[in-house]
């Protein structure tokens, strides 16, 4: 079961969001619980979109939300990568 919403792979999004939360101080069981909850929510949304359980007018907003929040982990990755290349 490999879902994507708006071209964003759910598994990659969850990894990015959990890594962000870990940098903000969530640890151990908290990060595991967060990964579980995000997994349930995003897989439910992906399944709902793929099977048309989410009506079309709402599907646009779900896709918009998921694509929007994927920008944060992507920006963090570029920031970390830039620090490595610039030696900071």
PDB file of N, CA and C in Angstrom:
ATOM      1  N   UNK A   1       0.846  -1.169   0.000  1.00  0.00           N
ATOM      2  CA  UNK A   1       0.000   0.000   0.000  1.00  0.00           C
ATOM      3  C   UNK A   1       0.895   1.238   0.000  1.00  0.00           C
ATOM      4  N   UNK A   2       1.043   1.838  -1.156  1.00  0.00           N
ATOM      5  CA  UNK A   2       1.899   3.010  -1.288  1.00  0.00           C
ATOM      6  C   UNK A   2       1.055   4.169  -1.791  1.00  0.00           C
ATOM      7  N   UNK A   3       0.784   5.111  -0.922  1.00  0.00           N
ATOM      8  CA  UNK A   3      -0.088   6.214  -1.286  1.00  0.00           C
ATOM      9  C   UNK A   3       0.700   7.496  -1.506  1.00  0.00           C
ATOM     10  N   UNK A   4       0.175   8.308  -2.380  1.00  0.00           N
ATOM     11  CA  UNK A   4       0.676   9.659  -2.591  1.00  0.00           C
ATOM     12  C   UNK A   4      -0.531  10.580  -2.686  1.00  0.00           C
ATOM     13  N   UNK A   5      -0.368  11.766  -2.175  1.00  0.00           N
ATOM     14  CA  UNK A   5      -1.431  12.762  -2.245  1.00  0.00           C
ATOM     15  C   UNK A   5      -0.831  13.983  -2.920  1.00  0.00           C
ATOM     16  N   UNK A   6      -1.379  14.345  -4.057  1.00  0.00           N
ATOM     17  CA  UNK A   6      -0.866  15.487  -4.790  1.00  0.00           C
ATOM     18  C   UNK A   6       0.588  15.329  -5.192  1.00  0.00           C
ATOM     19  N   UNK A   7       1.002  14.102  -5.440  1.00  0.00           N
ATOM     20  CA  UNK A   7       2.385  13.842  -5.815  1.00  0.00           C
ATOM     21  C   UNK A   7       3.339  13.729  -4.638  1.00  0.00           C
ATOM     22  N   UNK A   8       2.831  13.867  -3.421  1.00  0.00           N
ATOM     23  CA  UNK A   8       3.660  13.779  -2.222  1.00  0.00           C
ATOM     24  C   UNK A   8       3.513  12.378  -1.637  1.00  0.00           C
ATOM     25  N   UNK A   9       4.625  11.650  -1.533  1.00  0.00           N
ATOM     26  CA  UNK A   9       4.595  10.309  -0.954  1.00  0.00           C
ATOM     27  C   UNK A   9       4.312  10.421   0.542  1.00  0.00           C
ATOM     28  N   UNK A  10       3.296   9.722   0.985  1.00  0.00           N
ATOM     29  CA  UNK A  10       2.886   9.811   2.387  1.00  0.00           C
ATOM     30  C   UNK A  10       4.007   9.366   3.322  1.00  0.00           C
ATOM     31  N   UNK A  11       4.692   8.284   2.994  1.00  0.00           N
ATOM     32  CA  UNK A  11       5.760   7.792   3.870  1.00  0.00           C
ATOM     33  C   UNK A  11       6.857   8.841   4.035  1.00  0.00           C
ATOM     34  N   UNK A  12       7.254   9.476   2.943  1.00  0.00           N
ATOM     35  CA  UNK A  12       8.292  10.505   3.013  1.00  0.00           C
ATOM     36  C   UNK A  12       7.814  11.708   3.820  1.00  0.00           C
ATOM     37  N   UNK A  13       6.545  12.072   3.662  1.00  0.00           N
ATOM     38  CA  UNK A  13       5.993  13.193   4.411  1.00  0.00           C
ATOM     39  C   UNK A  13       6.002  12.902   5.910  1.00  0.00           C
ATOM     40  N   UNK A  14       5.619  11.708   6.286  1.00  0.00           N
ATOM     41  CA  UNK A  14       5.594  11.343   7.701  1.00  0.00           C
ATOM     42  C   UNK A  14       7.006  11.372   8.282  1.00  0.00           C
ATOM     43  N   UNK A  15       7.964  10.843   7.555  1.00  0.00           N
ATOM     44  CA  UNK A  15       9.356  10.870   8.026  1.00  0.00           C
ATOM     45  C   UNK A  15       9.806  12.309   8.236  1.00  0.00           C
ATOM     46  N   UNK A  16       9.516  13.175   7.277  1.00  0.00           N
ATOM     47  CA  UNK A  16       9.911  14.569   7.403  1.00  0.00           C
ATOM     48  C   UNK A  16       9.254  15.275   8.571  1.00  0.00           C
ATOM     49  N   UNK A  17       7.970  15.037   8.778  1.00  0.00           N
ATOM     50  CA  UNK A  17       7.261  15.679   9.880  1.00  0.00           C
ATOM     51  C   UNK A  17       7.739  15.166  11.236  1.00  0.00           C
ATOM     52  N   UNK A  18       8.009  13.880  11.340  1.00  0.00           N
ATOM     53  CA  UNK A  18       8.503  13.326  12.606  1.00  0.00           C
ATOM     54  C   UNK A  18       9.914  13.835  12.893  1.00  0.00           C
ATOM     55  N   UNK A  19      10.758  13.918  11.873  1.00  0.00           N
ATOM     56  CA  UNK A  19      12.110  14.459  12.078  1.00  0.00           C
ATOM     57  C   UNK A  19      12.032  15.914  12.530  1.00  0.00           C
ATOM     58  N   UNK A  20      11.124  16.679  11.963  1.00  0.00           N
ATOM     59  CA  UNK A  20      10.936  18.059  12.401  1.00  0.00           C
ATOM     60  C   UNK A  20      10.523  18.093  13.870  1.00  0.00           C
ATOM     61  N   UNK A  21       9.572  17.256  14.245  1.00  0.00           N
ATOM     62  CA  UNK A  21       9.104  17.217  15.635  1.00  0.00           C
ATOM     63  C   UNK A  21      10.230  16.814  16.580  1.00  0.00           C
ATOM     64  N   UNK A  22      11.094  15.901  16.138  1.00  0.00           N
ATOM     65  CA  UNK A  22      12.225  15.497  16.976  1.00  0.00           C
ATOM     66  C   UNK A  22      13.192  16.657  17.180  1.00  0.00           C
ATOM     67  N   UNK A  23      13.395  17.465  16.153  1.00  0.00           N
ATOM     68  CA  UNK A  23      14.260  18.632  16.302  1.00  0.00           C
ATOM     69  C   UNK A  23      13.634  19.668  17.228  1.00  0.00           C
ATOM     70  N   UNK A  24      12.324  19.648  17.343  1.00  0.00           N
ATOM     71  CA  UNK A  24      11.623  20.579  18.220  1.00  0.00           C
ATOM     72  C   UNK A  24      11.500  20.041  19.641  1.00  0.00           C
ATOM     73  N   UNK A  25      12.002  18.825  19.892  1.00  0.00           N
ATOM     74  CA  UNK A  25      12.046  18.322  21.256  1.00  0.00           C
ATOM     75  C   UNK A  25      11.234  17.079  21.556  1.00  0.00           C
ATOM     76  N   UNK A  26      10.437  16.593  20.625  1.00  0.00           N
ATOM     77  CA  UNK A  26       9.681  15.362  20.881  1.00  0.00           C
ATOM     78  C   UNK A  26      10.659  14.191  20.841  1.00  0.00           C
ATOM     79  N   UNK A  27      10.562  13.296  21.816  1.00  0.00           N
ATOM     80  CA  UNK A  27      11.524  12.208  21.917  1.00  0.00           C
ATOM     81  C   UNK A  27      10.834  10.862  22.071  1.00  0.00           C
ATOM     82  N   UNK A  28      11.592   9.821  21.817  1.00  0.00           N
ATOM     83  CA  UNK A  28      11.255   8.427  22.062  1.00  0.00           C
ATOM     84  C   UNK A  28       9.801   8.066  21.749  1.00  0.00           C
ATOM     85  N   UNK A  29       9.022   7.772  22.797  1.00  0.00           N
ATOM     86  CA  UNK A  29       7.647   7.312  22.597  1.00  0.00           C
ATOM     87  C   UNK A  29       6.772   8.393  21.981  1.00  0.00           C
ATOM     88  N   UNK A  30       7.097   9.639  22.239  1.00  0.00           N
ATOM     89  CA  UNK A  30       6.334  10.731  21.639  1.00  0.00           C
ATOM     90  C   UNK A  30       6.476  10.737  20.129  1.00  0.00           C
ATOM     91  N   UNK A  31       7.701  10.505  19.645  1.00  0.00           N
ATOM     92  CA  UNK A  31       7.900  10.492  18.194  1.00  0.00           C
ATOM     93  C   UNK A  31       7.281   9.244  17.573  1.00  0.00           C
ATOM     94  N   UNK A  32       7.279   8.137  18.295  1.00  0.00           N
ATOM     95  CA  UNK A  32       6.624   6.924  17.803  1.00  0.00           C
ATOM     96  C   UNK A  32       5.119   7.125  17.723  1.00  0.00           C
ATOM     97  N   UNK A  33       4.551   7.746  18.751  1.00  0.00           N
ATOM     98  CA  UNK A  33       3.112   8.011  18.754  1.00  0.00           C
ATOM     99  C   UNK A  33       2.746   8.978  17.635  1.00  0.00           C
ATOM    100  N   UNK A  34       3.567   9.990  17.436  1.00  0.00           N
ATOM    101  CA  UNK A  34       3.310  10.951  16.363  1.00  0.00           C
ATOM    102  C   UNK A  34       3.345  10.265  15.004  1.00  0.00           C
ATOM    103  N   UNK A  35       4.343   9.410  14.784  1.00  0.00           N
ATOM    104  CA  UNK A  35       4.445   8.683  13.512  1.00  0.00           C
ATOM    105  C   UNK A  35       3.210   7.809  13.301  1.00  0.00           C
ATOM    106  N   UNK A  36       2.752   7.149  14.346  1.00  0.00           N
ATOM    107  CA  UNK A  36       1.564   6.302  14.247  1.00  0.00           C
ATOM    108  C   UNK A  36       0.335   7.128  13.874  1.00  0.00           C
ATOM    109  N   UNK A  37       0.130   8.230  14.596  1.00  0.00           N
ATOM    110  CA  UNK A  37      -1.044   9.071  14.354  1.00  0.00           C
ATOM    111  C   UNK A  37      -1.005   9.662  12.947  1.00  0.00           C
ATOM    112  N   UNK A  38       0.151  10.182  12.544  1.00  0.00           N
ATOM    113  CA  UNK A  38       0.270  10.737  11.196  1.00  0.00           C
ATOM    114  C   UNK A  38       0.039   9.661  10.145  1.00  0.00           C
ATOM    115  N   UNK A  39       0.538   8.455  10.407  1.00  0.00           N
ATOM    116  CA  UNK A  39       0.327   7.350   9.477  1.00  0.00           C
ATOM    117  C   UNK A  39      -1.143   7.038   9.303  1.00  0.00           C
ATOM    118  N   UNK A  40      -1.854   6.958  10.397  1.00  0.00           N
ATOM    119  CA  UNK A  40      -3.293   6.669  10.328  1.00  0.00           C
ATOM    120  C   UNK A  40      -4.022   7.780   9.571  1.00  0.00           C
ATOM    121  N   UNK A  41      -3.735   9.018   9.917  1.00  0.00           N
ATOM    122  CA  UNK A  41      -4.436  10.144   9.297  1.00  0.00           C
ATOM    123  C   UNK A  41      -4.143  10.228   7.802  1.00  0.00           C
ATOM    124  N   UNK A  42      -2.863  10.190   7.421  1.00  0.00           N
ATOM    125  CA  UNK A  42      -2.525  10.381   6.014  1.00  0.00           C
ATOM    126  C   UNK A  42      -2.881   9.175   5.147  1.00  0.00           C
ATOM    127  N   UNK A  43      -2.773   7.973   5.686  1.00  0.00           N
ATOM    128  CA  UNK A  43      -3.198   6.807   4.910  1.00  0.00           C
ATOM    129  C   UNK A  43      -4.718   6.825   4.748  1.00  0.00           C
ATOM    130  N   UNK A  44      -5.437   7.235   5.788  1.00  0.00           N
ATOM    131  CA  UNK A  44      -6.898   7.352   5.661  1.00  0.00           C
ATOM    132  C   UNK A  44      -7.264   8.384   4.593  1.00  0.00           C
ATOM    133  N   UNK A  45      -6.564   9.511   4.590  1.00  0.00           N
ATOM    134  CA  UNK A  45      -6.825  10.522   3.557  1.00  0.00           C
ATOM    135  C   UNK A  45      -6.475   9.998   2.172  1.00  0.00           C
ATOM    136  N   UNK A  46      -5.322   9.340   2.049  1.00  0.00           N
ATOM    137  CA  UNK A  46      -4.920   8.782   0.755  1.00  0.00           C
ATOM    138  C   UNK A  46      -5.902   7.743   0.251  1.00  0.00           C
ATOM    139  N   UNK A  47      -6.332   6.865   1.150  1.00  0.00           N
ATOM    140  CA  UNK A  47      -7.311   5.838   0.772  1.00  0.00           C
ATOM    141  C   UNK A  47      -8.625   6.494   0.375  1.00  0.00           C
ATOM    142  N   UNK A  48      -9.029   7.485   1.160  1.00  0.00           N
ATOM    143  CA  UNK A  48     -10.278   8.182   0.857  1.00  0.00           C
ATOM    144  C   UNK A  48     -10.243   8.873  -0.494  1.00  0.00           C
ATOM    145  N   UNK A  49      -9.104   9.453  -0.840  1.00  0.00           N
ATOM    146  CA  UNK A  49      -8.973  10.105  -2.141  1.00  0.00           C
ATOM    147  C   UNK A  49      -8.941   9.083  -3.271  1.00  0.00           C
ATOM    148  N   UNK A  50      -8.204   7.994  -3.085  1.00  0.00           N
ATOM    149  CA  UNK A  50      -8.068   6.974  -4.132  1.00  0.00           C
ATOM    150  C   UNK A  50      -9.366   6.230  -4.418  1.00  0.00           C
ATOM    151  N   UNK A  51     -10.212   6.090  -3.420  1.00  0.00           N
ATOM    152  CA  UNK A  51     -11.458   5.343  -3.594  1.00  0.00           C
ATOM    153  C   UNK A  51     -12.681   6.255  -3.715  1.00  0.00           C
ATOM    154  N   UNK A  52     -12.440   7.546  -3.822  1.00  0.00           N
ATOM    155  CA  UNK A  52     -13.499   8.559  -3.960  1.00  0.00           C
ATOM    156  C   UNK A  52     -14.450   8.603  -2.761  1.00  0.00           C
ATOM    157  N   UNK A  53     -13.971   8.208  -1.588  1.00  0.00           N
ATOM    158  CA  UNK A  53     -14.779   8.339  -0.371  1.00  0.00           C
ATOM    159  C   UNK A  53     -14.847   9.802   0.063  1.00  0.00           C
ATOM    160  N   UNK A  54     -13.829  10.563  -0.307  1.00  0.00           N
ATOM    161  CA  UNK A  54     -13.829  11.998  -0.030  1.00  0.00           C
ATOM    162  C   UNK A  54     -14.393  12.687  -1.271  1.00  0.00           C
ATOM    163  N   UNK A  55     -15.494  13.408  -1.118  1.00  0.00           N
ATOM    164  CA  UNK A  55     -16.109  14.057  -2.281  1.00  0.00           C
ATOM    165  C   UNK A  55     -15.144  15.040  -2.963  1.00  0.00           C
ATOM    166  N   UNK A  56     -15.294  15.158  -4.271  1.00  0.00           N
ATOM    167  CA  UNK A  56     -14.388  15.969  -5.091  1.00  0.00           C
ATOM    168  C   UNK A  56     -14.186  17.396  -4.575  1.00  0.00           C
ATOM    169  N   UNK A  57     -15.235  18.104  -4.159  1.00  0.00           N
ATOM    170  CA  UNK A  57     -14.984  19.473  -3.675  1.00  0.00           C
ATOM    171  C   UNK A  57     -14.024  19.519  -2.482  1.00  0.00           C
ATOM    172  N   UNK A  58     -14.076  18.497  -1.628  1.00  0.00           N
ATOM    173  CA  UNK A  58     -13.198  18.457  -0.455  1.00  0.00           C
ATOM    174  C   UNK A  58     -11.824  17.888  -0.797  1.00  0.00           C
ATOM    175  N   UNK A  59     -11.771  17.026  -1.795  1.00  0.00           N
ATOM    176  CA  UNK A  59     -10.503  16.403  -2.186  1.00  0.00           C
ATOM    177  C   UNK A  59      -9.476  17.447  -2.601  1.00  0.00           C
ATOM    178  N   UNK A  60      -9.934  18.495  -3.243  1.00  0.00           N
ATOM    179  CA  UNK A  60      -9.031  19.574  -3.653  1.00  0.00           C
ATOM    180  C   UNK A  60      -8.367  20.217  -2.437  1.00  0.00           C
ATOM    181  N   UNK A  61      -9.126  20.426  -1.374  1.00  0.00           N
ATOM    182  CA  UNK A  61      -8.584  21.054  -0.172  1.00  0.00           C
ATOM    183  C   UNK A  61      -7.671  20.110   0.601  1.00  0.00           C
ATOM    184  N   UNK A  62      -8.002  18.827   0.614  1.00  0.00           N
ATOM    185  CA  UNK A  62      -7.130  17.839   1.257  1.00  0.00           C
ATOM    186  C   UNK A  62      -5.781  17.810   0.539  1.00  0.00           C
ATOM    187  N   UNK A  63      -5.811  17.774  -0.781  1.00  0.00           N
ATOM    188  CA  UNK A  63      -4.577  17.770  -1.567  1.00  0.00           C
ATOM    189  C   UNK A  63      -3.789  19.047  -1.323  1.00  0.00           C
ATOM    190  N   UNK A  64      -4.452  20.163  -1.309  1.00  0.00           N
ATOM    191  CA  UNK A  64      -3.814  21.455  -1.064  1.00  0.00           C
ATOM    192  C   UNK A  64      -3.116  21.455   0.294  1.00  0.00           C
ATOM    193  N   UNK A  65      -3.797  20.951   1.333  1.00  0.00           N
ATOM    194  CA  UNK A  65      -3.220  20.898   2.676  1.00  0.00           C
ATOM    195  C   UNK A  65      -1.973  20.028   2.704  1.00  0.00           C
ATOM    196  N   UNK A  66      -2.051  18.841   2.133  1.00  0.00           N
ATOM    197  CA  UNK A  66      -0.919  17.910   2.172  1.00  0.00           C
ATOM    198  C   UNK A  66       0.279  18.467   1.400  1.00  0.00           C
ATOM    199  N   UNK A  67       0.033  19.009   0.232  1.00  0.00           N
ATOM    200  CA  UNK A  67       1.129  19.583  -0.554  1.00  0.00           C
ATOM    201  C   UNK A  67       1.738  20.770   0.197  1.00  0.00           C
ATOM    202  N   UNK A  68       0.911  21.567   0.849  1.00  0.00           N
ATOM    203  CA  UNK A  68       1.404  22.734   1.594  1.00  0.00           C
ATOM    204  C   UNK A  68       2.301  22.335   2.754  1.00  0.00           C
ATOM    205  N   UNK A  69       1.877  21.343   3.534  1.00  0.00           N
ATOM    206  CA  UNK A  69       2.705  20.969   4.690  1.00  0.00           C
ATOM    207  C   UNK A  69       3.952  20.205   4.279  1.00  0.00           C
ATOM    208  N   UNK A  70       3.998  19.711   3.056  1.00  0.00           N
ATOM    209  CA  UNK A  70       5.215  19.021   2.614  1.00  0.00           C
ATOM    210  C   UNK A  70       6.350  20.008   2.364  1.00  0.00           C
ATOM    211  N   UNK A  71       6.025  21.280   2.225  1.00  0.00           N
ATOM    212  CA  UNK A  71       7.065  22.289   2.005  1.00  0.00           C
ATOM    213  C   UNK A  71       7.972  22.468   3.204  1.00  0.00           C
ATOM    214  N   UNK A  72       7.452  22.292   4.394  1.00  0.00           N
ATOM    215  CA  UNK A  72       8.258  22.457   5.616  1.00  0.00           C
ATOM    216  C   UNK A  72       9.402  21.461   5.700  1.00  0.00           C
ATOM    217  N   UNK A  73       9.118  20.165   5.628  1.00  0.00           N
ATOM    218  CA  UNK A  73      10.223  19.197   5.674  1.00  0.00           C
ATOM    219  C   UNK A  73      11.198  19.361   4.507  1.00  0.00           C
ATOM    220  N   UNK A  74      10.689  19.733   3.340  1.00  0.00           N
ATOM    221  CA  UNK A  74      11.582  19.942   2.202  1.00  0.00           C
ATOM    222  C   UNK A  74      12.516  21.110   2.473  1.00  0.00           C
ATOM    223  N   UNK A  75      11.986  22.203   2.989  1.00  0.00           N
ATOM    224  CA  UNK A  75      12.813  23.360   3.311  1.00  0.00           C
ATOM    225  C   UNK A  75      13.844  23.019   4.385  1.00  0.00           C
ATOM    226  N   UNK A  76      13.435  22.232   5.385  1.00  0.00           N
ATOM    227  CA  UNK A  76      14.380  21.810   6.426  1.00  0.00           C
ATOM    228  C   UNK A  76      15.514  21.000   5.830  1.00  0.00           C
ATOM    229  N   UNK A  77      15.189  20.103   4.913  1.00  0.00           N
ATOM    230  CA  UNK A  77      16.215  19.284   4.283  1.00  0.00           C
ATOM    231  C   UNK A  77      17.197  20.120   3.505  1.00  0.00           C
ATOM    232  N   UNK A  78      16.706  21.098   2.759  1.00  0.00           N
ATOM    233  CA  UNK A  78      17.590  21.986   2.008  1.00  0.00           C
ATOM    234  C   UNK A  78      18.459  22.808   2.962  1.00  0.00           C
ATOM    235  N   UNK A  79      17.888  23.250   4.066  1.00  0.00           N
ATOM    236  CA  UNK A  79      18.633  24.019   5.058  1.00  0.00           C
ATOM    237  C   UNK A  79      19.770  23.184   5.635  1.00  0.00           C
ATOM    238  N   UNK A  80      19.451  21.950   6.044  1.00  0.00           N
ATOM    239  CA  UNK A  80      20.482  21.060   6.599  1.00  0.00           C
ATOM    240  C   UNK A  80      21.547  20.744   5.563  1.00  0.00           C
ATOM    241  N   UNK A  81      21.130  20.513   4.341  1.00  0.00           N
ATOM    242  CA  UNK A  81      22.071  20.223   3.266  1.00  0.00           C
ATOM    243  C   UNK A  81      22.987  21.422   3.004  1.00  0.00           C
ATOM    244  N   UNK A  82      22.414  22.609   3.012  1.00  0.00           N
ATOM    245  CA  UNK A  82      23.207  23.820   2.831  1.00  0.00           C
ATOM    246  C   UNK A  82      24.229  24.002   3.943  1.00  0.00           C
ATOM    247  N   UNK A  83      23.841  23.696   5.173  1.00  0.00           N
ATOM    248  CA  UNK A  83      24.789  23.794   6.298  1.00  0.00           C
ATOM    249  C   UNK A  83      25.952  22.837   6.091  1.00  0.00           C
ATOM    250  N   UNK A  84      25.692  21.640   5.595  1.00  0.00           N
ATOM    251  CA  UNK A  84      26.750  20.662   5.383  1.00  0.00           C
ATOM    252  C   UNK A  84      27.732  21.137   4.305  1.00  0.00           C
ATOM    253  N   UNK A  85      27.189  21.683   3.215  1.00  0.00           N
ATOM    254  CA  UNK A  85      28.042  22.120   2.115  1.00  0.00           C
ATOM    255  C   UNK A  85      28.804  23.394   2.442  1.00  0.00           C
ATOM    256  N   UNK A  86      28.227  24.243   3.278  1.00  0.00           N
ATOM    257  CA  UNK A  86      28.876  25.499   3.629  1.00  0.00           C
ATOM    258  C   UNK A  86      29.751  25.370   4.876  1.00  0.00           C
ATOM    259  N   UNK A  87      29.725  24.179   5.494  1.00  0.00           N
ATOM    260  CA  UNK A  87      30.579  23.912   6.648  1.00  0.00           C
ATOM    261  C   UNK A  87      30.169  24.651   7.909  1.00  0.00           C
ATOM    262  N   UNK A  88      28.902  24.913   8.078  1.00  0.00           N
ATOM    263  CA  UNK A  88      28.433  25.608   9.280  1.00  0.00           C
ATOM    264  C   UNK A  88      27.788  24.662  10.239  1.00  0.00           C
TER     265      UNK A  88
END
